[in-house]
Amino acid sequence: MMSEDFGEEDSFGARAMQERTHAELQEMVSSHNILAFIKGNRLMPQCGYSGTLVNILQSLSVPFETVDVLADERIRQGIKDFSNWPTIPQLYLGGEFIGGADIVIELFQSGELQEMIEVAAAS
């Protein structure tokens, strides 16, 4: 009986932590016009996909912010739940989730990403 009580408390604690993480992520995303959640940082990405995303954004000469998901496991897992997207990196423009590396590459190659960034940078 006692272990069941602990289980419920643990579940409640985990849910409260998830809600706090979600609120923190919402604040991050809404506070930056262009925000990329990556592995590593813009100077030293820790995976090829993160490096590709950073290179694309740098090639467009736009100001952008990054969050290193490797620095905080809570953020690393939380961003996947927040976006309902299973992989890192993730790009947000004007508070909206755009996608991961593959989607960003496609948008960049088609010219759509540049248009989307212009709109986000102006807001």
Protein backbone atom coordinates (compact mmCIF):
# COMPACT_ATOMS: atom_id res chain seq x y z
CA MET A 1 0.00 0.00 0.00
CA MET A 2 2.74 2.42 0.89
CA SER A 3 4.60 1.83 -2.40
CA GLU A 4 1.44 2.69 -4.34
CA ASP A 5 1.33 6.06 -2.60
CA PHE A 6 4.93 6.71 -3.55
CA GLY A 7 4.15 5.77 -7.15
CA GLU A 8 1.35 8.31 -7.32
CA GLU A 9 3.59 10.96 -5.79
CA ASP A 10 6.36 10.18 -8.27
CA SER A 11 3.86 10.38 -11.13
CA PHE A 12 2.58 13.73 -9.87
CA GLY A 13 6.14 15.03 -9.47
CA ALA A 14 7.07 13.92 -12.98
CA ARG A 15 3.93 15.54 -14.39
CA ALA A 16 4.68 18.80 -12.56
CA MET A 17 8.26 18.74 -13.87
CA GLN A 18 6.98 18.12 -17.41
CA GLU A 19 4.58 21.07 -17.11
CA ARG A 20 7.37 23.36 -15.86
CA THR A 21 9.63 22.23 -18.70
CA HIS A 22 6.85 22.83 -21.22
CA ALA A 23 6.31 26.36 -19.87
CA GLU A 24 10.06 27.04 -19.99
CA LEU A 25 10.25 25.81 -23.60
CA GLN A 26 7.23 27.92 -24.57
CA GLU A 27 8.96 30.97 -23.10
CA MET A 28 12.19 30.21 -25.01
CA VAL A 29 10.38 29.65 -28.30
CA SER A 30 8.18 32.73 -28.02
CA SER A 31 11.10 34.98 -26.94
CA HIS A 32 13.20 34.46 -30.08
CA ASN A 33 12.33 35.05 -33.73
CA ILE A 34 14.74 32.32 -34.87
CA LEU A 35 15.62 29.56 -32.41
CA ALA A 36 17.33 26.24 -33.05
CA PHE A 37 17.51 23.41 -30.54
CA ILE A 38 20.73 21.59 -31.42
CA LYS A 39 23.28 19.16 -30.04
CA GLY A 40 26.26 21.29 -29.08
CA ASN A 41 26.56 24.96 -29.92
CA ARG A 42 26.82 26.99 -33.10
CA LEU A 43 30.63 27.01 -32.90
CA MET A 44 30.91 23.29 -32.26
CA PRO A 45 27.81 21.29 -33.19
CA GLN A 46 27.96 17.75 -31.83
CA CYS A 47 26.16 16.01 -34.69
CA GLY A 48 26.09 16.37 -38.45
CA TYR A 49 22.42 17.32 -38.58
CA SER A 50 22.89 20.11 -36.04
CA GLY A 51 25.92 21.31 -38.00
CA THR A 52 23.92 21.37 -41.22
CA LEU A 53 21.14 23.39 -39.62
CA VAL A 54 23.62 25.90 -38.18
CA ASN A 55 25.41 26.20 -41.54
CA ILE A 56 22.14 26.90 -43.33
CA LEU A 57 21.17 29.62 -40.86
CA GLN A 58 24.65 31.17 -40.98
CA SER A 59 24.59 31.16 -44.79
CA LEU A 60 21.45 33.29 -44.66
CA SER A 61 23.23 35.90 -42.50
CA VAL A 62 20.36 36.20 -40.05
CA PRO A 63 20.62 36.53 -36.28
CA PHE A 64 19.53 33.35 -34.54
CA GLU A 65 19.78 31.76 -31.13
CA THR A 66 20.59 28.17 -30.24
CA VAL A 67 19.89 25.95 -27.26
CA ASP A 68 22.32 23.11 -26.56
CA VAL A 69 20.09 20.18 -25.64
CA LEU A 70 23.10 18.17 -24.46
CA ALA A 71 23.53 20.61 -21.57
CA ASP A 72 20.18 19.68 -19.99
CA GLU A 73 18.55 16.26 -20.33
CA ARG A 74 15.23 17.76 -19.22
CA ILE A 75 15.29 20.16 -22.20
CA ARG A 76 16.56 17.44 -24.54
CA GLN A 77 13.58 15.18 -23.79
CA GLY A 78 11.12 18.00 -23.20
CA ILE A 79 11.57 19.61 -26.61
CA LYS A 80 10.66 16.31 -28.27
CA ASP A 81 7.38 16.22 -26.33
CA PHE A 82 6.80 19.94 -26.82
CA SER A 83 7.03 19.70 -30.61
CA ASN A 84 5.78 16.13 -30.93
CA TRP A 85 8.90 15.57 -33.06
CA PRO A 86 11.30 12.76 -32.13
CA THR A 87 14.65 14.16 -33.25
CA ILE A 88 17.12 16.99 -32.73
CA PRO A 89 17.82 19.52 -34.25
CA GLN A 90 14.59 21.47 -34.29
CA LEU A 91 14.01 24.90 -35.80
CA TYR A 92 11.43 27.44 -34.61
CA LEU A 93 10.58 30.60 -36.53
CA GLY A 94 8.37 33.27 -34.99
CA GLY A 95 7.38 30.85 -32.24
CA GLU A 96 6.30 28.13 -34.69
CA PHE A 97 7.93 24.73 -35.07
CA ILE A 98 9.29 24.33 -38.61
CA GLY A 99 10.92 20.91 -38.46
CA GLY A 100 14.14 19.00 -38.22
CA ALA A 101 17.20 18.98 -40.45
CA ASP A 102 15.60 17.17 -43.41
CA ILE A 103 12.65 19.56 -43.59
CA VAL A 104 14.88 22.61 -43.15
CA ILE A 105 17.17 21.39 -45.96
CA GLU A 106 14.18 20.94 -48.29
CA LEU A 107 12.80 24.37 -47.42
CA PHE A 108 16.22 25.94 -47.93
CA GLN A 109 16.75 24.29 -51.31
CA SER A 110 13.31 25.39 -52.51
CA GLY A 111 13.79 28.98 -51.30
CA GLU A 112 10.85 28.75 -48.90
CA LEU A 113 13.03 28.90 -45.79
CA GLN A 114 14.43 32.27 -46.80
CA GLU A 115 10.90 33.66 -47.14
CA MET A 116 9.84 32.17 -43.81
CA ILE A 117 12.90 33.65 -42.09
CA GLU A 118 12.21 37.10 -43.55
CA VAL A 119 8.72 36.98 -42.07
CA ALA A 120 9.99 35.73 -38.68
CA ALA A 121 12.84 38.27 -38.55
CA ALA A 122 10.40 41.11 -39.24
CA SER A 123 8.07 40.13 -36.38
